[in-house]
Amino acid sequence: MVRRHGRLRRPTGRDRGEEASTYILIRAVLYPGGITDLNLLEFDARSATTAFPAQYLWGPGFVRKPSSGDHQAESDLCDYLLQTVLVRVHEGHIGLPVYPGVETAVDAQRGTWHALRVDRGLDALAHLRALADAAAGRAEEAECQVCPVDTLATEDLAAVLKAARGAGADTTPLHVPDVRTPFAHWLAGSAT
């Protein structure tokens, strides 16, 4: 279990003069000098791209003078081991891992879907890349002996959502805007 905090960073003197600065607010693991999610710069509201689960709360938007009570989300605890993520493979492109509820809010897309149980969302991406490269020892079904990934199902979207629900994942549709940090664009481009 990790404790996540949500806080809007106050603009510094350097930020106040820059009209191009926009902000997003996320609930994430960030303890300066302690446990910190080094993948926060690759945050994507619709994808599991951070080392620990991160939740979109607000933005993007401009911040001028936030009051002390603005956008102060309460801390929470979340499990980060054995998360269920979905990954779409279509026409040779391996998509970024997404949480089941986020993807159910989007229209069903063609391709082969994988429901995977992982400790980090990006473990799913690495596993499927290795499968695509026919790496020895990788398991397409069940537990992989090479990496920390369990395959729950590989079928169409409806079937993998059913498998995710059966594994205890929340598949309640979440309507999350398409918001990401600039570095997440780089990660999305490297997903294939």
N, C-alpha and C. Protein backbone atom coordinates (compact mmCIF):
# COMPACT_ATOMS: atom_id res chain seq x y z
N MET A 1 0.83 -1.17 0.00
CA MET A 1 0.00 0.00 0.00
C MET A 1 0.88 1.24 0.00
N VAL A 2 0.47 2.21 -0.77
CA VAL A 2 1.16 3.49 -0.77
C VAL A 2 0.14 4.58 -0.53
N ARG A 3 0.58 5.67 0.04
CA ARG A 3 -0.29 6.82 0.27
C ARG A 3 -0.11 7.79 -0.89
N ARG A 4 -1.25 8.21 -1.46
CA ARG A 4 -1.20 9.16 -2.57
C ARG A 4 -1.73 10.50 -2.10
N HIS A 5 -1.15 11.56 -2.61
CA HIS A 5 -1.56 12.92 -2.28
C HIS A 5 -1.92 13.65 -3.56
N GLY A 6 -2.81 14.61 -3.46
CA GLY A 6 -3.11 15.47 -4.60
C GLY A 6 -2.93 16.91 -4.17
N ARG A 7 -2.08 17.61 -4.85
CA ARG A 7 -1.84 19.00 -4.50
C ARG A 7 -1.49 19.77 -5.76
N LEU A 8 -2.04 20.95 -5.87
CA LEU A 8 -1.74 21.82 -6.99
C LEU A 8 -0.51 22.64 -6.65
N ARG A 9 0.48 22.58 -7.50
CA ARG A 9 1.72 23.33 -7.25
C ARG A 9 1.45 24.81 -7.44
N ARG A 10 1.90 25.60 -6.48
CA ARG A 10 1.74 27.05 -6.61
C ARG A 10 2.72 27.59 -7.63
N PRO A 11 2.28 28.53 -8.47
CA PRO A 11 3.20 29.10 -9.45
C PRO A 11 4.35 29.82 -8.76
N THR A 12 5.52 29.67 -9.29
CA THR A 12 6.68 30.40 -8.79
C THR A 12 6.79 31.70 -9.56
N GLY A 13 7.71 32.56 -9.16
CA GLY A 13 7.91 33.80 -9.89
C GLY A 13 8.24 33.55 -11.34
N ARG A 14 8.96 32.48 -11.60
CA ARG A 14 9.32 32.13 -12.97
C ARG A 14 8.08 31.75 -13.78
N ASP A 15 7.11 31.05 -13.14
CA ASP A 15 5.91 30.60 -13.84
C ASP A 15 4.92 31.72 -14.12
N ARG A 16 4.85 32.70 -13.25
CA ARG A 16 3.79 33.72 -13.35
C ARG A 16 3.84 34.50 -14.65
N GLY A 17 5.00 34.68 -15.22
CA GLY A 17 5.09 35.45 -16.45
C GLY A 17 4.92 34.61 -17.70
N GLU A 18 4.76 33.31 -17.56
CA GLU A 18 4.66 32.44 -18.72
C GLU A 18 3.20 32.09 -18.98
N GLU A 19 2.62 32.65 -20.04
CA GLU A 19 1.24 32.38 -20.39
C GLU A 19 1.04 30.93 -20.83
N ALA A 20 2.09 30.29 -21.33
CA ALA A 20 1.97 28.94 -21.86
C ALA A 20 1.90 27.87 -20.77
N SER A 21 2.13 28.24 -19.52
CA SER A 21 2.11 27.24 -18.45
C SER A 21 0.69 26.83 -18.12
N THR A 22 0.42 25.55 -18.24
CA THR A 22 -0.86 25.00 -17.81
C THR A 22 -0.57 23.92 -16.78
N TYR A 23 -1.56 23.59 -15.99
CA TYR A 23 -1.38 22.67 -14.89
C TYR A 23 -2.43 21.58 -14.96
N ILE A 24 -2.06 20.40 -14.45
CA ILE A 24 -3.03 19.35 -14.20
C ILE A 24 -2.83 18.91 -12.75
N LEU A 25 -3.89 18.45 -12.16
CA LEU A 25 -3.85 17.98 -10.78
C LEU A 25 -4.11 16.48 -10.78
N ILE A 26 -3.18 15.74 -10.19
CA ILE A 26 -3.35 14.30 -10.11
C ILE A 26 -3.08 13.84 -8.67
N ARG A 27 -3.71 12.75 -8.30
CA ARG A 27 -3.42 12.12 -7.01
C ARG A 27 -2.37 11.06 -7.32
N ALA A 28 -1.21 11.20 -6.68
CA ALA A 28 -0.09 10.32 -7.02
C ALA A 28 0.84 10.16 -5.83
N VAL A 29 1.80 9.27 -5.96
CA VAL A 29 2.81 9.05 -4.92
C VAL A 29 3.95 10.02 -5.15
N LEU A 30 4.15 10.92 -4.20
CA LEU A 30 5.23 11.90 -4.31
C LEU A 30 5.68 12.29 -2.91
N TYR A 31 6.79 11.77 -2.49
CA TYR A 31 7.40 12.10 -1.20
C TYR A 31 8.83 12.54 -1.46
N PRO A 32 9.07 13.84 -1.56
CA PRO A 32 10.46 14.27 -1.76
C PRO A 32 11.35 13.71 -0.66
N GLY A 33 12.44 13.07 -1.06
CA GLY A 33 13.34 12.44 -0.11
C GLY A 33 12.91 11.04 0.29
N GLY A 34 11.78 10.58 -0.22
CA GLY A 34 11.29 9.24 0.11
C GLY A 34 10.80 8.54 -1.14
N ILE A 35 9.72 7.78 -1.00
CA ILE A 35 9.15 7.06 -2.14
C ILE A 35 8.52 8.07 -3.09
N THR A 36 8.95 8.06 -4.32
CA THR A 36 8.40 8.95 -5.33
C THR A 36 8.25 8.17 -6.62
N ASP A 37 7.19 8.44 -7.35
CA ASP A 37 6.96 7.81 -8.64
C ASP A 37 7.74 8.57 -9.70
N LEU A 38 8.81 8.00 -10.16
CA LEU A 38 9.67 8.68 -11.14
C LEU A 38 9.01 8.79 -12.51
N ASN A 39 7.89 8.08 -12.73
CA ASN A 39 7.21 8.13 -14.01
C ASN A 39 6.10 9.19 -14.06
N LEU A 40 6.01 10.07 -13.07
CA LEU A 40 4.94 11.07 -13.08
C LEU A 40 5.03 12.01 -14.27
N LEU A 41 6.22 12.24 -14.79
CA LEU A 41 6.35 13.09 -15.97
C LEU A 41 5.77 12.44 -17.21
N GLU A 42 5.48 11.15 -17.14
CA GLU A 42 4.88 10.42 -18.26
C GLU A 42 3.40 10.13 -18.00
N PHE A 43 2.77 10.91 -17.12
CA PHE A 43 1.37 10.68 -16.75
C PHE A 43 0.45 10.86 -17.95
N ASP A 44 -0.46 9.92 -18.11
CA ASP A 44 -1.51 9.95 -19.12
C ASP A 44 -2.79 9.55 -18.39
N ALA A 45 -3.81 10.40 -18.40
CA ALA A 45 -5.03 10.15 -17.63
C ALA A 45 -5.74 8.87 -18.05
N ARG A 46 -5.58 8.44 -19.30
CA ARG A 46 -6.26 7.25 -19.80
C ARG A 46 -5.40 6.00 -19.78
N SER A 47 -4.14 6.11 -19.45
CA SER A 47 -3.24 4.96 -19.52
C SER A 47 -2.53 4.73 -18.19
N ALA A 48 -2.08 3.51 -17.99
CA ALA A 48 -1.34 3.13 -16.78
C ALA A 48 0.15 3.27 -17.07
N THR A 49 0.64 4.51 -17.06
CA THR A 49 2.03 4.78 -17.44
C THR A 49 2.93 5.14 -16.27
N THR A 50 2.38 5.21 -15.08
CA THR A 50 3.19 5.57 -13.91
C THR A 50 3.51 4.31 -13.10
N ALA A 51 4.56 4.38 -12.28
CA ALA A 51 4.96 3.21 -11.50
C ALA A 51 3.90 2.83 -10.47
N PHE A 52 3.25 3.82 -9.87
CA PHE A 52 2.16 3.60 -8.93
C PHE A 52 0.89 4.14 -9.56
N PRO A 53 -0.29 3.63 -9.17
CA PRO A 53 -1.53 4.17 -9.73
C PRO A 53 -1.64 5.68 -9.46
N ALA A 54 -1.99 6.43 -10.48
CA ALA A 54 -2.18 7.87 -10.37
C ALA A 54 -3.57 8.20 -10.91
N GLN A 55 -4.24 9.15 -10.28
CA GLN A 55 -5.62 9.46 -10.63
C GLN A 55 -5.74 10.91 -11.07
N TYR A 56 -6.33 11.12 -12.25
CA TYR A 56 -6.59 12.47 -12.76
C TYR A 56 -7.67 13.12 -11.88
N LEU A 57 -7.45 14.38 -11.47
CA LEU A 57 -8.43 15.11 -10.66
C LEU A 57 -8.94 16.38 -11.32
N TRP A 58 -8.06 17.12 -12.01
CA TRP A 58 -8.44 18.43 -12.54
C TRP A 58 -7.48 18.85 -13.64
N GLY A 59 -7.98 19.65 -14.59
CA GLY A 59 -7.12 20.28 -15.59
C GLY A 59 -7.37 19.73 -16.98
N PRO A 60 -6.60 20.19 -17.91
CA PRO A 60 -5.57 21.21 -17.78
C PRO A 60 -6.20 22.59 -17.64
N GLY A 61 -5.47 23.47 -17.04
CA GLY A 61 -5.95 24.82 -16.85
C GLY A 61 -4.86 25.74 -16.38
N PHE A 62 -5.20 26.99 -16.32
CA PHE A 62 -4.26 28.01 -15.86
C PHE A 62 -4.52 28.29 -14.39
N VAL A 63 -3.50 28.56 -13.66
CA VAL A 63 -3.61 28.87 -12.24
C VAL A 63 -2.97 30.22 -12.01
N ARG A 64 -3.71 31.11 -11.42
CA ARG A 64 -3.15 32.43 -11.14
C ARG A 64 -2.79 32.55 -9.66
N LYS A 65 -3.78 32.60 -8.81
CA LYS A 65 -3.54 32.73 -7.37
C LYS A 65 -4.41 31.74 -6.63
N PRO A 66 -3.97 30.51 -6.51
CA PRO A 66 -4.81 29.54 -5.80
C PRO A 66 -4.90 29.88 -4.32
N SER A 67 -6.09 29.74 -3.77
CA SER A 67 -6.24 29.94 -2.33
C SER A 67 -5.77 28.68 -1.63
N SER A 68 -5.56 28.76 -0.35
CA SER A 68 -5.00 27.62 0.39
C SER A 68 -5.91 26.40 0.35
N GLY A 69 -7.20 26.59 0.15
CA GLY A 69 -8.12 25.46 0.12
C GLY A 69 -8.42 24.92 -1.26
N ASP A 70 -7.94 25.59 -2.31
CA ASP A 70 -8.23 25.15 -3.67
C ASP A 70 -7.52 23.84 -3.99
N HIS A 71 -8.27 22.93 -4.54
CA HIS A 71 -7.72 21.70 -5.10
C HIS A 71 -6.84 20.93 -4.13
N GLN A 72 -7.26 20.83 -2.89
CA GLN A 72 -6.51 20.03 -1.92
C GLN A 72 -7.23 18.70 -1.76
N ALA A 73 -6.85 17.73 -2.54
CA ALA A 73 -7.46 16.41 -2.45
C ALA A 73 -6.93 15.70 -1.21
N GLU A 74 -7.77 14.88 -0.62
CA GLU A 74 -7.36 14.14 0.56
C GLU A 74 -6.45 12.99 0.15
N SER A 75 -5.57 12.62 1.06
CA SER A 75 -4.71 11.46 0.82
C SER A 75 -5.56 10.20 0.85
N ASP A 76 -5.09 9.18 0.19
CA ASP A 76 -5.76 7.89 0.25
C ASP A 76 -4.71 6.79 0.20
N LEU A 77 -5.14 5.58 0.40
CA LEU A 77 -4.27 4.42 0.28
C LEU A 77 -4.75 3.60 -0.91
N CYS A 78 -3.81 3.02 -1.65
CA CYS A 78 -4.21 2.17 -2.77
C CYS A 78 -3.25 1.00 -2.90
N ASP A 79 -3.78 -0.11 -3.34
CA ASP A 79 -2.94 -1.26 -3.66
C ASP A 79 -2.27 -0.99 -4.99
N TYR A 80 -1.02 -1.31 -5.08
CA TYR A 80 -0.35 -1.13 -6.36
C TYR A 80 0.22 -2.43 -6.90
N LEU A 81 0.16 -3.49 -6.12
CA LEU A 81 0.60 -4.80 -6.61
C LEU A 81 -0.59 -5.54 -7.22
N LEU A 82 -0.32 -6.31 -8.22
CA LEU A 82 -1.32 -7.13 -8.90
C LEU A 82 -2.50 -6.30 -9.42
N GLN A 83 -2.19 -5.25 -10.16
CA GLN A 83 -3.21 -4.45 -10.82
C GLN A 83 -3.63 -5.16 -12.11
N THR A 84 -4.85 -4.96 -12.52
CA THR A 84 -5.30 -5.50 -13.80
C THR A 84 -5.32 -4.36 -14.81
N VAL A 85 -4.68 -4.59 -15.94
CA VAL A 85 -4.66 -3.62 -17.03
C VAL A 85 -5.06 -4.32 -18.33
N LEU A 86 -5.52 -3.52 -19.28
CA LEU A 86 -5.85 -4.01 -20.62
C LEU A 86 -4.89 -3.39 -21.61
N VAL A 87 -4.51 -4.17 -22.62
CA VAL A 87 -3.64 -3.66 -23.68
C VAL A 87 -4.21 -4.13 -25.01
N ARG A 88 -4.31 -3.20 -25.95
CA ARG A 88 -4.82 -3.50 -27.29
C ARG A 88 -3.66 -3.68 -28.25
N VAL A 89 -3.74 -4.73 -29.07
CA VAL A 89 -2.77 -4.95 -30.14
C VAL A 89 -3.56 -4.96 -31.45
N HIS A 90 -3.21 -4.04 -32.35
CA HIS A 90 -3.95 -3.93 -33.61
C HIS A 90 -2.99 -3.54 -34.72
N GLU A 91 -2.98 -4.35 -35.77
CA GLU A 91 -2.14 -4.10 -36.95
C GLU A 91 -0.68 -3.86 -36.58
N GLY A 92 -0.17 -4.67 -35.67
CA GLY A 92 1.23 -4.58 -35.27
C GLY A 92 1.54 -3.50 -34.25
N HIS A 93 0.56 -2.71 -33.87
CA HIS A 93 0.76 -1.64 -32.89
C HIS A 93 0.31 -2.13 -31.51
N ILE A 94 1.19 -2.03 -30.53
CA ILE A 94 0.87 -2.39 -29.15
C ILE A 94 0.55 -1.09 -28.42
N GLY A 95 -0.69 -0.96 -27.96
CA GLY A 95 -1.10 0.26 -27.27
C GLY A 95 -0.57 0.33 -25.85
N LEU A 96 -0.74 1.48 -25.24
CA LEU A 96 -0.36 1.64 -23.84
C LEU A 96 -1.35 0.89 -22.95
N PRO A 97 -0.91 0.40 -21.81
CA PRO A 97 -1.83 -0.28 -20.89
C PRO A 97 -2.83 0.71 -20.30
N VAL A 98 -4.07 0.26 -20.16
CA VAL A 98 -5.13 1.10 -19.59
C VAL A 98 -5.82 0.32 -18.48
N TYR A 99 -6.42 1.06 -17.53
CA TYR A 99 -7.21 0.41 -16.50
C TYR A 99 -8.56 0.03 -17.09
N PRO A 100 -9.15 -1.09 -16.67
CA PRO A 100 -10.38 -1.58 -17.30
C PRO A 100 -11.53 -0.58 -17.33
N GLY A 101 -11.76 0.17 -16.28
CA GLY A 101 -12.86 1.12 -16.27
C GLY A 101 -12.68 2.24 -17.27
N VAL A 102 -11.48 2.70 -17.46
CA VAL A 102 -11.22 3.78 -18.41
C VAL A 102 -11.51 3.30 -19.82
N GLU A 103 -11.08 2.13 -20.16
CA GLU A 103 -11.27 1.65 -21.53
C GLU A 103 -12.72 1.32 -21.83
N THR A 104 -13.51 0.90 -20.84
CA THR A 104 -14.90 0.59 -21.10
C THR A 104 -15.70 1.84 -21.42
N ALA A 105 -15.19 3.01 -21.06
CA ALA A 105 -15.88 4.25 -21.36
C ALA A 105 -15.67 4.67 -22.81
N VAL A 106 -14.74 4.05 -23.49
CA VAL A 106 -14.43 4.37 -24.87
C VAL A 106 -15.09 3.32 -25.75
N ASP A 107 -15.52 3.72 -26.96
CA ASP A 107 -16.11 2.75 -27.88
C ASP A 107 -15.18 1.57 -28.10
N ALA A 108 -15.77 0.38 -28.22
CA ALA A 108 -14.96 -0.83 -28.45
C ALA A 108 -14.15 -0.65 -29.73
N GLN A 109 -12.91 -1.05 -29.66
CA GLN A 109 -12.00 -0.90 -30.79
C GLN A 109 -11.58 -2.27 -31.29
N ARG A 110 -11.29 -2.32 -32.59
CA ARG A 110 -10.85 -3.58 -33.19
C ARG A 110 -9.48 -3.97 -32.66
N GLY A 111 -9.14 -5.22 -32.89
CA GLY A 111 -7.83 -5.71 -32.48
C GLY A 111 -7.95 -6.79 -31.43
N THR A 112 -6.82 -7.29 -31.02
CA THR A 112 -6.75 -8.30 -29.97
C THR A 112 -6.46 -7.58 -28.66
N TRP A 113 -7.24 -7.91 -27.65
CA TRP A 113 -7.07 -7.29 -26.34
C TRP A 113 -6.47 -8.31 -25.37
N HIS A 114 -5.66 -7.82 -24.46
CA HIS A 114 -5.05 -8.65 -23.42
C HIS A 114 -5.44 -8.08 -22.06
N ALA A 115 -5.96 -8.94 -21.19
CA ALA A 115 -6.17 -8.56 -19.78
C ALA A 115 -5.00 -9.17 -19.02
N LEU A 116 -4.23 -8.32 -18.36
CA LEU A 116 -3.00 -8.76 -17.70
C LEU A 116 -2.99 -8.28 -16.25
N ARG A 117 -2.45 -9.11 -15.38
CA ARG A 117 -2.25 -8.72 -13.98
C ARG A 117 -0.77 -8.40 -13.82
N VAL A 118 -0.48 -7.18 -13.36
CA VAL A 118 0.91 -6.70 -13.29
C VAL A 118 1.10 -5.88 -12.01
N ASP A 119 2.35 -5.66 -11.64
CA ASP A 119 2.65 -4.75 -10.53
C ASP A 119 2.78 -3.32 -11.03
N ARG A 120 3.23 -3.15 -12.24
CA ARG A 120 3.36 -1.83 -12.89
C ARG A 120 2.75 -1.93 -14.27
N GLY A 121 1.99 -0.94 -14.67
CA GLY A 121 1.35 -0.96 -15.98
C GLY A 121 2.32 -1.18 -17.13
N LEU A 122 3.50 -0.57 -17.02
CA LEU A 122 4.46 -0.69 -18.12
C LEU A 122 5.08 -2.08 -18.20
N ASP A 123 4.93 -2.92 -17.16
CA ASP A 123 5.36 -4.31 -17.26
C ASP A 123 4.55 -5.03 -18.35
N ALA A 124 3.28 -4.67 -18.49
CA ALA A 124 2.43 -5.27 -19.52
C ALA A 124 2.95 -4.92 -20.91
N LEU A 125 3.35 -3.68 -21.09
CA LEU A 125 3.88 -3.24 -22.38
C LEU A 125 5.16 -4.00 -22.71
N ALA A 126 6.06 -4.13 -21.75
CA ALA A 126 7.31 -4.85 -21.98
C ALA A 126 7.04 -6.32 -22.31
N HIS A 127 6.09 -6.93 -21.62
CA HIS A 127 5.75 -8.33 -21.85
C HIS A 127 5.22 -8.53 -23.27
N LEU A 128 4.29 -7.69 -23.70
CA LEU A 128 3.71 -7.87 -25.04
C LEU A 128 4.72 -7.55 -26.14
N ARG A 129 5.61 -6.61 -25.90
CA ARG A 129 6.68 -6.36 -26.87
C ARG A 129 7.56 -7.60 -27.02
N ALA A 130 7.88 -8.24 -25.90
CA ALA A 130 8.71 -9.44 -25.95
C ALA A 130 7.98 -10.57 -26.67
N LEU A 131 6.67 -10.70 -26.45
CA LEU A 131 5.90 -11.72 -27.16
C LEU A 131 5.92 -11.45 -28.66
N ALA A 132 5.78 -10.18 -29.03
CA ALA A 132 5.81 -9.82 -30.45
C ALA A 132 7.16 -10.15 -31.08
N ASP A 133 8.21 -10.07 -30.29
CA ASP A 133 9.55 -10.40 -30.78
C ASP A 133 9.86 -11.88 -30.62
N ALA A 134 8.87 -12.67 -30.18
CA ALA A 134 9.01 -14.11 -29.98
C ALA A 134 10.15 -14.46 -29.03
N ALA A 135 10.25 -13.72 -27.94
CA ALA A 135 11.30 -13.99 -26.95
C ALA A 135 11.04 -15.32 -26.25
N ALA A 136 12.07 -16.09 -26.08
CA ALA A 136 11.96 -17.41 -25.45
C ALA A 136 11.53 -17.28 -24.00
N GLY A 137 10.67 -18.19 -23.57
CA GLY A 137 10.26 -18.24 -22.18
C GLY A 137 9.08 -17.36 -21.83
N ARG A 138 8.60 -16.56 -22.75
CA ARG A 138 7.45 -15.70 -22.46
C ARG A 138 6.17 -16.51 -22.61
N ALA A 139 5.26 -16.35 -21.67
CA ALA A 139 4.00 -17.10 -21.70
C ALA A 139 2.88 -16.22 -22.22
N GLU A 140 2.19 -16.72 -23.26
CA GLU A 140 1.04 -15.99 -23.76
C GLU A 140 -0.17 -16.21 -22.87
N GLU A 141 -0.18 -17.32 -22.15
CA GLU A 141 -1.29 -17.63 -21.26
C GLU A 141 -0.75 -17.90 -19.87
N ALA A 142 -1.52 -17.53 -18.88
CA ALA A 142 -1.17 -17.75 -17.46
C ALA A 142 0.04 -16.93 -17.05
N GLU A 143 0.82 -17.46 -16.12
CA GLU A 143 1.93 -16.71 -15.53
C GLU A 143 3.18 -16.82 -16.39
N CYS A 144 3.77 -15.68 -16.69
CA CYS A 144 5.03 -15.64 -17.44
C CYS A 144 6.17 -15.98 -16.48
N GLN A 145 7.09 -16.82 -16.93
CA GLN A 145 8.23 -17.22 -16.10
C GLN A 145 9.39 -16.23 -16.18
N VAL A 146 9.31 -15.27 -17.11
CA VAL A 146 10.41 -14.34 -17.34
C VAL A 146 10.14 -12.97 -16.71
N CYS A 147 8.90 -12.53 -16.74
CA CYS A 147 8.58 -11.19 -16.21
C CYS A 147 7.37 -11.26 -15.28
N PRO A 148 7.13 -10.22 -14.49
CA PRO A 148 6.04 -10.24 -13.50
C PRO A 148 4.67 -9.95 -14.11
N VAL A 149 4.20 -10.85 -14.99
CA VAL A 149 2.92 -10.66 -15.68
C VAL A 149 2.14 -11.96 -15.66
N ASP A 150 0.85 -11.86 -15.33
CA ASP A 150 -0.09 -12.98 -15.46
C ASP A 150 -1.09 -12.60 -16.53
N THR A 151 -1.29 -13.47 -17.52
CA THR A 151 -2.28 -13.22 -18.56
C THR A 151 -3.62 -13.79 -18.10
N LEU A 152 -4.62 -12.93 -18.03
CA LEU A 152 -5.96 -13.36 -17.62
C LEU A 152 -6.79 -13.79 -18.83
N ALA A 153 -6.64 -13.07 -19.95
CA ALA A 153 -7.38 -13.40 -21.17
C ALA A 153 -6.76 -12.67 -22.35
N THR A 154 -6.90 -13.27 -23.53
CA THR A 154 -6.47 -12.65 -24.78
C THR A 154 -7.58 -12.92 -25.80
N GLU A 155 -8.42 -11.91 -26.03
CA GLU A 155 -9.55 -12.07 -26.94
C GLU A 155 -10.03 -10.69 -27.38
N ASP A 156 -11.35 -10.60 -27.63
CA ASP A 156 -11.92 -9.29 -27.95
C ASP A 156 -12.16 -8.51 -26.65
N LEU A 157 -12.53 -7.24 -26.78
CA LEU A 157 -12.66 -6.37 -25.62
C LEU A 157 -13.68 -6.89 -24.61
N ALA A 158 -14.83 -7.38 -25.09
CA ALA A 158 -15.86 -7.88 -24.16
C ALA A 158 -15.34 -9.05 -23.33
N ALA A 159 -14.61 -9.95 -23.94
CA ALA A 159 -14.09 -11.12 -23.23
C ALA A 159 -13.03 -10.74 -22.20
N VAL A 160 -12.14 -9.81 -22.54
CA VAL A 160 -11.10 -9.44 -21.57
C VAL A 160 -11.69 -8.61 -20.43
N LEU A 161 -12.73 -7.84 -20.70
CA LEU A 161 -13.41 -7.12 -19.61
C LEU A 161 -14.07 -8.10 -18.65
N LYS A 162 -14.66 -9.15 -19.19
CA LYS A 162 -15.27 -10.18 -18.35
C LYS A 162 -14.20 -10.86 -17.49
N ALA A 163 -13.06 -11.15 -18.08
CA ALA A 163 -11.96 -11.77 -17.32
C ALA A 163 -11.43 -10.82 -16.25
N ALA A 164 -11.35 -9.53 -16.58
CA ALA A 164 -10.88 -8.53 -15.61
C ALA A 164 -11.85 -8.44 -14.43
N ARG A 165 -13.16 -8.44 -14.72
CA ARG A 165 -14.17 -8.43 -13.64
C ARG A 165 -14.04 -9.68 -12.78
N GLY A 166 -13.84 -10.82 -13.43
CA GLY A 166 -13.68 -12.08 -12.70
C GLY A 166 -12.46 -12.08 -11.79
N ALA A 167 -11.46 -11.29 -12.14
CA ALA A 167 -10.24 -11.18 -11.32
C ALA A 167 -10.36 -10.11 -10.25
N GLY A 168 -11.54 -9.47 -10.17
CA GLY A 168 -11.77 -8.47 -9.13
C GLY A 168 -11.51 -7.03 -9.53
N ALA A 169 -11.23 -6.78 -10.80
CA ALA A 169 -10.98 -5.41 -11.25
C ALA A 169 -12.29 -4.64 -11.36
N ASP A 170 -12.24 -3.36 -11.06
CA ASP A 170 -13.40 -2.48 -11.20
C ASP A 170 -13.51 -2.09 -12.67
N THR A 171 -14.60 -2.48 -13.31
CA THR A 171 -14.81 -2.14 -14.72
C THR A 171 -15.91 -1.10 -14.90
N THR A 172 -16.28 -0.43 -13.81
CA THR A 172 -17.27 0.65 -13.90
C THR A 172 -16.72 1.72 -14.83
N PRO A 173 -17.49 2.12 -15.85
CA PRO A 173 -16.97 3.10 -16.81
C PRO A 173 -16.58 4.42 -16.15
N LEU A 174 -15.37 4.87 -16.45
CA LEU A 174 -14.87 6.16 -15.99
C LEU A 174 -14.70 7.07 -17.19
N HIS A 175 -15.29 8.24 -17.13
CA HIS A 175 -15.16 9.19 -18.23
C HIS A 175 -13.99 10.11 -17.90
N VAL A 176 -12.85 9.80 -18.47
CA VAL A 176 -11.61 10.52 -18.19
C VAL A 176 -11.21 11.28 -19.44
N PRO A 177 -10.95 12.58 -19.33
CA PRO A 177 -10.53 13.34 -20.51
C PRO A 177 -9.16 12.90 -21.01
N ASP A 178 -8.89 13.19 -22.25
CA ASP A 178 -7.61 12.84 -22.86
C ASP A 178 -6.58 13.89 -22.46
N VAL A 179 -5.99 13.70 -21.27
CA VAL A 179 -5.03 14.66 -20.69
C VAL A 179 -3.75 13.90 -20.39
N ARG A 180 -2.61 14.51 -20.77
CA ARG A 180 -1.31 13.88 -20.48
C ARG A 180 -0.25 14.94 -20.40
N THR A 181 0.87 14.57 -19.81
CA THR A 181 2.02 15.47 -19.77
C THR A 181 2.74 15.40 -21.11
N PRO A 182 3.57 16.39 -21.41
CA PRO A 182 4.29 16.36 -22.69
C PRO A 182 5.15 15.11 -22.88
N PHE A 183 5.72 14.58 -21.81
CA PHE A 183 6.57 13.39 -21.94
C PHE A 183 5.76 12.14 -22.24
N ALA A 184 4.48 12.13 -21.94
CA ALA A 184 3.64 10.96 -22.23
C ALA A 184 3.50 10.77 -23.74
N HIS A 185 3.57 11.84 -24.52
CA HIS A 185 3.51 11.72 -25.98
C HIS A 185 4.68 10.88 -26.47
N TRP A 186 5.85 11.09 -25.87
CA TRP A 186 7.02 10.30 -26.25
C TRP A 186 6.79 8.83 -25.93
N LEU A 187 6.24 8.55 -24.76
CA LEU A 187 6.00 7.17 -24.36
C LEU A 187 4.97 6.51 -25.28
N ALA A 188 3.91 7.24 -25.63
CA ALA A 188 2.89 6.68 -26.52
C ALA A 188 3.49 6.34 -27.88
N GLY A 189 4.40 7.16 -28.36
CA GLY A 189 5.05 6.89 -29.64
C GLY A 189 5.95 5.69 -29.60
N SER A 190 6.43 5.35 -28.43
CA SER A 190 7.34 4.20 -28.31
C SER A 190 6.60 2.92 -27.96
N ALA A 191 5.26 2.98 -27.87
CA ALA A 191 4.51 1.81 -27.43
C ALA A 191 4.58 0.66 -28.43
N THR A 192 4.72 0.94 -29.71
CA THR A 192 4.74 -0.16 -30.68
C THR A 192 6.01 -0.94 -30.63
